[in-house]
Amino acid sequence: MIIDITLMLFLGFFILLLVTVFVHMFFLVPYVPSTNRVVEKMISAAHLKAKETVYDLGCGDGRLLLSAEKKKVKTVGFEIAPLVFLLALLRKIMARSKTHICFKSFFSANLSKANVIFCYLIPNVMPRLALKIKKECKKGTRIVSNTFHIPGLKPHRIYAKDAPAGTPTVYVYKI
């Protein structure tokens, strides 16, 4: 009986792993977690205010959401890779967080309620994201992008790469 349960757990994990690998390959979206220094740089660049609504597009393991939540903001993350999503849920539970993590593509989400949007996405996704932002975001929405510029949007502020500190360029846009 114990062997059956162990085997079932192993098979379940293996299937989730295969689905996650497929999602990363099919959507060309790798899981590359930001360091704590990068998370703090992005949160600082966003100038978060209490009670704002913050979205993290491709939230990964949720670390940025959990850090942002300390600023008394409402946090919402979107993730499509199953294992990474489960990792984010686990971190949320362990932190006793109120953040909301959605297992879905941010392209199928409505961004209109966000005051701040965080993203660390690969360049080939950015043109489509720019169109979505222009269509759905309200005036005053701030977008903070780790490493990659969003074509079609003019940066409000650029925080330069700091190699000694290990932080990349961070772009801030204001709609």
C-alpha atoms as a PDB file:
ATOM      1  CA  MET A   1       0.000   0.000   0.000  1.00  0.00           C
ATOM      2  CA  ILE A   2       2.777   2.465   0.899  1.00  0.00           C
ATOM      3  CA  ILE A   3       4.620   1.576  -2.302  1.00  0.00           C
ATOM      4  CA  ASP A   4       1.454   2.271  -4.307  1.00  0.00           C
ATOM      5  CA  ILE A   5       1.076   5.727  -2.734  1.00  0.00           C
ATOM      6  CA  THR A   6       4.756   6.492  -3.262  1.00  0.00           C
ATOM      7  CA  LEU A   7       4.527   5.353  -6.868  1.00  0.00           C
ATOM      8  CA  MET A   8       1.393   7.460  -7.432  1.00  0.00           C
ATOM      9  CA  LEU A   9       3.064  10.535  -5.919  1.00  0.00           C
ATOM     10  CA  PHE A  10       6.143   9.977  -8.043  1.00  0.00           C
ATOM     11  CA  LEU A  11       4.073   9.539 -11.210  1.00  0.00           C
ATOM     12  CA  GLY A  12       2.004  12.623 -10.384  1.00  0.00           C
ATOM     13  CA  PHE A  13       5.140  14.694  -9.843  1.00  0.00           C
ATOM     14  CA  PHE A  14       6.691  13.304 -13.026  1.00  0.00           C
ATOM     15  CA  ILE A  15       3.610  14.212 -15.065  1.00  0.00           C
ATOM     16  CA  LEU A  16       3.605  17.735 -13.616  1.00  0.00           C
ATOM     17  CA  LEU A  17       7.287  18.018 -14.446  1.00  0.00           C
ATOM     18  CA  LEU A  18       6.655  16.930 -18.051  1.00  0.00           C
ATOM     19  CA  VAL A  19       3.777  19.386 -18.421  1.00  0.00           C
ATOM     20  CA  THR A  20       5.928  22.170 -16.976  1.00  0.00           C
ATOM     21  CA  VAL A  21       8.782  21.396 -19.373  1.00  0.00           C
ATOM     22  CA  PHE A  22       6.299  21.318 -22.266  1.00  0.00           C
ATOM     23  CA  VAL A  23       4.837  24.693 -21.226  1.00  0.00           C
ATOM     24  CA  HIS A  24       8.306  26.231 -21.039  1.00  0.00           C
ATOM     25  CA  MET A  25       9.269  24.837 -24.441  1.00  0.00           C
ATOM     26  CA  PHE A  26       5.958  25.549 -26.189  1.00  0.00           C
ATOM     27  CA  PHE A  27       5.536  29.085 -24.854  1.00  0.00           C
ATOM     28  CA  LEU A  28       9.298  29.751 -24.821  1.00  0.00           C
ATOM     29  CA  VAL A  29       9.050  31.120 -21.302  1.00  0.00           C
ATOM     30  CA  PRO A  30      11.792  29.848 -19.020  1.00  0.00           C
ATOM     31  CA  TYR A  31      11.609  29.952 -15.231  1.00  0.00           C
ATOM     32  CA  VAL A  32      14.356  32.352 -14.177  1.00  0.00           C
ATOM     33  CA  PRO A  33      13.729  33.616 -10.636  1.00  0.00           C
ATOM     34  CA  SER A  34      14.797  37.128  -9.736  1.00  0.00           C
ATOM     35  CA  THR A  35      17.232  37.530  -6.862  1.00  0.00           C
ATOM     36  CA  ASN A  36      16.138  39.329  -3.710  1.00  0.00           C
ATOM     37  CA  ARG A  37      18.241  42.341  -4.737  1.00  0.00           C
ATOM     38  CA  VAL A  38      16.438  42.536  -8.065  1.00  0.00           C
ATOM     39  CA  VAL A  39      13.044  42.165  -6.374  1.00  0.00           C
ATOM     40  CA  GLU A  40      13.870  45.038  -4.026  1.00  0.00           C
ATOM     41  CA  LYS A  41      15.098  47.199  -6.928  1.00  0.00           C
ATOM     42  CA  MET A  42      11.867  46.593  -8.838  1.00  0.00           C
ATOM     43  CA  ILE A  43       9.656  47.298  -5.823  1.00  0.00           C
ATOM     44  CA  SER A  44      11.607  50.463  -5.065  1.00  0.00           C
ATOM     45  CA  ALA A  45      11.315  51.582  -8.709  1.00  0.00           C
ATOM     46  CA  ALA A  46       7.526  51.079  -8.610  1.00  0.00           C
ATOM     47  CA  HIS A  47       6.995  53.536  -5.724  1.00  0.00           C
ATOM     48  CA  LEU A  48       4.188  51.383  -4.334  1.00  0.00           C
ATOM     49  CA  LYS A  49       1.466  53.062  -2.304  1.00  0.00           C
ATOM     50  CA  ALA A  50      -0.752  51.322   0.246  1.00  0.00           C
ATOM     51  CA  LYS A  51      -3.982  49.820  -1.140  1.00  0.00           C
ATOM     52  CA  GLU A  52      -2.776  49.790  -4.757  1.00  0.00           C
ATOM     53  CA  THR A  53      -3.355  46.682  -6.847  1.00  0.00           C
ATOM     54  CA  VAL A  54      -0.178  45.038  -8.118  1.00  0.00           C
ATOM     55  CA  TYR A  55      -0.012  42.400 -10.864  1.00  0.00           C
ATOM     56  CA  ASP A  56       2.994  40.188 -11.578  1.00  0.00           C
ATOM     57  CA  LEU A  57       2.853  38.726 -15.075  1.00  0.00           C
ATOM     58  CA  GLY A  58       4.564  35.342 -15.053  1.00  0.00           C
ATOM     59  CA  CYS A  59       4.971  35.483 -11.279  1.00  0.00           C
ATOM     60  CA  GLY A  60       7.188  32.402 -11.039  1.00  0.00           C
ATOM     61  CA  ASP A  61       7.600  31.322  -7.436  1.00  0.00           C
ATOM     62  CA  GLY A  62       5.789  34.420  -6.140  1.00  0.00           C
ATOM     63  CA  ARG A  63       8.731  36.039  -4.391  1.00  0.00           C
ATOM     64  CA  LEU A  64       8.074  39.496  -5.853  1.00  0.00           C
ATOM     65  CA  LEU A  65       4.397  39.320  -4.833  1.00  0.00           C
ATOM     66  CA  LEU A  66       5.260  38.334  -1.281  1.00  0.00           C
ATOM     67  CA  SER A  67       7.768  41.173  -0.979  1.00  0.00           C
ATOM     68  CA  ALA A  68       5.385  43.723  -2.513  1.00  0.00           C
ATOM     69  CA  GLU A  69       2.611  42.643  -0.147  1.00  0.00           C
ATOM     70  CA  LYS A  70       4.680  44.014   2.747  1.00  0.00           C
ATOM     71  CA  LYS A  71       3.939  47.477   1.314  1.00  0.00           C
ATOM     72  CA  LYS A  72       0.222  46.961   2.123  1.00  0.00           C
ATOM     73  CA  VAL A  73      -0.808  46.488  -1.511  1.00  0.00           C
ATOM     74  CA  LYS A  74      -3.174  43.934  -3.034  1.00  0.00           C
ATOM     75  CA  THR A  75      -1.113  41.454  -5.059  1.00  0.00           C
ATOM     76  CA  VAL A  76      -2.161  39.232  -7.960  1.00  0.00           C
ATOM     77  CA  GLY A  77       0.129  36.909  -9.913  1.00  0.00           C
ATOM     78  CA  PHE A  78      -0.286  34.907 -13.109  1.00  0.00           C
ATOM     79  CA  GLU A  79       1.650  31.733 -13.883  1.00  0.00           C
ATOM     80  CA  ILE A  80       1.155  29.007 -16.518  1.00  0.00           C
ATOM     81  CA  ALA A  81       3.857  26.478 -15.584  1.00  0.00           C
ATOM     82  CA  PRO A  82       2.253  23.912 -13.244  1.00  0.00           C
ATOM     83  CA  LEU A  83       5.212  23.133 -10.960  1.00  0.00           C
ATOM     84  CA  VAL A  84       6.220  26.760 -10.705  1.00  0.00           C
ATOM     85  CA  PHE A  85       2.605  27.688  -9.942  1.00  0.00           C
ATOM     86  CA  LEU A  86       2.531  25.056  -7.176  1.00  0.00           C
ATOM     87  CA  LEU A  87       5.795  26.437  -5.804  1.00  0.00           C
ATOM     88  CA  ALA A  88       4.227  29.912  -5.693  1.00  0.00           C
ATOM     89  CA  LEU A  89       1.183  28.518  -3.870  1.00  0.00           C
ATOM     90  CA  LEU A  90       3.433  26.740  -1.375  1.00  0.00           C
ATOM     91  CA  ARG A  91       5.401  29.941  -0.711  1.00  0.00           C
ATOM     92  CA  LYS A  92       2.121  31.841  -0.310  1.00  0.00           C
ATOM     93  CA  ILE A  93       0.821  29.319   2.235  1.00  0.00           C
ATOM     94  CA  MET A  94       4.097  29.258   4.159  1.00  0.00           C
ATOM     95  CA  ALA A  95       4.128  33.069   4.308  1.00  0.00           C
ATOM     96  CA  ARG A  96       0.425  33.175   5.269  1.00  0.00           C
ATOM     97  CA  SER A  97      -0.015  35.615   2.444  1.00  0.00           C
ATOM     98  CA  LYS A  98      -3.238  37.042   1.042  1.00  0.00           C
ATOM     99  CA  THR A  99      -1.797  37.309  -2.462  1.00  0.00           C
ATOM    100  CA  HIS A 100      -3.910  35.815  -5.222  1.00  0.00           C
ATOM    101  CA  ILE A 101      -2.039  33.537  -7.636  1.00  0.00           C
ATOM    102  CA  CYS A 102      -3.865  32.518 -10.816  1.00  0.00           C
ATOM    103  CA  PHE A 103      -3.012  29.464 -12.879  1.00  0.00           C
ATOM    104  CA  LYS A 104      -3.574  31.123 -16.240  1.00  0.00           C
ATOM    105  CA  SER A 105      -1.904  33.161 -18.910  1.00  0.00           C
ATOM    106  CA  PHE A 106      -1.830  36.868 -18.236  1.00  0.00           C
ATOM    107  CA  PHE A 107      -2.822  37.320 -21.879  1.00  0.00           C
ATOM    108  CA  SER A 108      -6.264  35.983 -20.930  1.00  0.00           C
ATOM    109  CA  ALA A 109      -6.479  38.252 -17.857  1.00  0.00           C
ATOM    110  CA  ASN A 110      -7.859  41.774 -17.734  1.00  0.00           C
ATOM    111  CA  LEU A 111      -5.134  44.215 -16.640  1.00  0.00           C
ATOM    112  CA  SER A 112      -7.455  47.203 -16.128  1.00  0.00           C
ATOM    113  CA  LYS A 113      -7.548  46.956 -12.317  1.00  0.00           C
ATOM    114  CA  ALA A 114      -3.770  47.067 -11.895  1.00  0.00           C
ATOM    115  CA  ASN A 115      -2.089  50.194 -10.587  1.00  0.00           C
ATOM    116  CA  VAL A 116       1.327  48.573 -10.989  1.00  0.00           C
ATOM    117  CA  ILE A 117       2.394  45.719 -13.257  1.00  0.00           C
ATOM    118  CA  PHE A 118       5.655  43.839 -12.789  1.00  0.00           C
ATOM    119  CA  CYS A 119       7.128  41.678 -15.526  1.00  0.00           C
ATOM    120  CA  TYR A 120      10.271  39.716 -16.259  1.00  0.00           C
ATOM    121  CA  LEU A 121       9.483  38.322 -19.671  1.00  0.00           C
ATOM    122  CA  ILE A 122      11.494  37.412 -22.732  1.00  0.00           C
ATOM    123  CA  PRO A 123      11.754  39.937 -25.587  1.00  0.00           C
ATOM    124  CA  ASN A 124       9.540  38.093 -28.086  1.00  0.00           C
ATOM    125  CA  VAL A 125       6.559  38.441 -25.705  1.00  0.00           C
ATOM    126  CA  MET A 126       6.967  42.185 -25.235  1.00  0.00           C
ATOM    127  CA  PRO A 127       5.345  43.521 -28.450  1.00  0.00           C
ATOM    128  CA  ARG A 128       2.135  41.597 -27.711  1.00  0.00           C
ATOM    129  CA  LEU A 129       2.271  42.742 -24.081  1.00  0.00           C
ATOM    130  CA  ALA A 130       2.650  46.365 -25.237  1.00  0.00           C
ATOM    131  CA  LEU A 131      -0.572  46.099 -27.255  1.00  0.00           C
ATOM    132  CA  LYS A 132      -2.401  44.597 -24.280  1.00  0.00           C
ATOM    133  CA  ILE A 133      -1.126  47.315 -21.946  1.00  0.00           C
ATOM    134  CA  LYS A 134      -2.179  50.093 -24.343  1.00  0.00           C
ATOM    135  CA  LYS A 135      -5.625  48.541 -24.713  1.00  0.00           C
ATOM    136  CA  GLU A 136      -6.397  47.670 -21.077  1.00  0.00           C
ATOM    137  CA  CYS A 137      -4.399  49.791 -18.647  1.00  0.00           C
ATOM    138  CA  LYS A 138      -5.790  52.986 -17.240  1.00  0.00           C
ATOM    139  CA  LYS A 139      -3.948  56.294 -17.165  1.00  0.00           C
ATOM    140  CA  GLY A 140      -1.376  56.342 -14.377  1.00  0.00           C
ATOM    141  CA  THR A 141      -0.671  52.595 -14.403  1.00  0.00           C
ATOM    142  CA  ARG A 142       3.019  51.919 -13.797  1.00  0.00           C
ATOM    143  CA  ILE A 143       4.757  49.014 -15.514  1.00  0.00           C
ATOM    144  CA  VAL A 144       8.097  47.812 -14.159  1.00  0.00           C
ATOM    145  CA  SER A 145      10.080  45.511 -16.442  1.00  0.00           C
ATOM    146  CA  ASN A 146      13.117  43.537 -15.360  1.00  0.00           C
ATOM    147  CA  THR A 147      15.911  43.579 -17.978  1.00  0.00           C
ATOM    148  CA  PHE A 148      13.861  43.972 -21.157  1.00  0.00           C
ATOM    149  CA  HIS A 149      12.419  47.090 -22.802  1.00  0.00           C
ATOM    150  CA  ILE A 150       8.790  46.998 -23.915  1.00  0.00           C
ATOM    151  CA  PRO A 151       8.724  48.146 -27.561  1.00  0.00           C
ATOM    152  CA  GLY A 152       6.099  50.738 -28.356  1.00  0.00           C
ATOM    153  CA  LEU A 153       6.173  52.205 -24.855  1.00  0.00           C
ATOM    154  CA  LYS A 154       8.365  55.098 -23.801  1.00  0.00           C
ATOM    155  CA  PRO A 155      10.181  54.548 -20.500  1.00  0.00           C
ATOM    156  CA  HIS A 156       9.297  57.019 -17.769  1.00  0.00           C
ATOM    157  CA  ARG A 157      12.514  56.098 -15.972  1.00  0.00           C
ATOM    158  CA  ILE A 158      15.377  53.664 -16.549  1.00  0.00           C
ATOM    159  CA  TYR A 159      17.380  52.287 -13.636  1.00  0.00           C
ATOM    160  CA  ALA A 160      20.738  51.279 -15.053  1.00  0.00           C
ATOM    161  CA  LYS A 161      22.301  47.871 -14.678  1.00  0.00           C
ATOM    162  CA  ASP A 162      24.530  47.655 -11.614  1.00  0.00           C
ATOM    163  CA  ALA A 163      26.909  44.764 -12.261  1.00  0.00           C
ATOM    164  CA  PRO A 164      28.718  44.950  -8.891  1.00  0.00           C
ATOM    165  CA  ALA A 165      25.366  44.796  -7.070  1.00  0.00           C
ATOM    166  CA  GLY A 166      24.120  42.089  -9.423  1.00  0.00           C
ATOM    167  CA  THR A 167      21.042  43.989 -10.586  1.00  0.00           C
ATOM    168  CA  PRO A 168      19.908  44.356 -14.211  1.00  0.00           C
ATOM    169  CA  THR A 169      18.429  47.340 -15.988  1.00  0.00           C
ATOM    170  CA  VAL A 170      14.910  48.058 -14.784  1.00  0.00           C
ATOM    171  CA  TYR A 171      12.487  49.958 -17.006  1.00  0.00           C
ATOM    172  CA  VAL A 172       9.564  51.896 -15.572  1.00  0.00           C
ATOM    173  CA  TYR A 173       6.689  52.984 -17.821  1.00  0.00           C
ATOM    174  CA  LYS A 174       3.760  55.191 -16.990  1.00  0.00           C
ATOM    175  CA  ILE A 175       0.564  55.040 -19.019  1.00  0.00           C
END
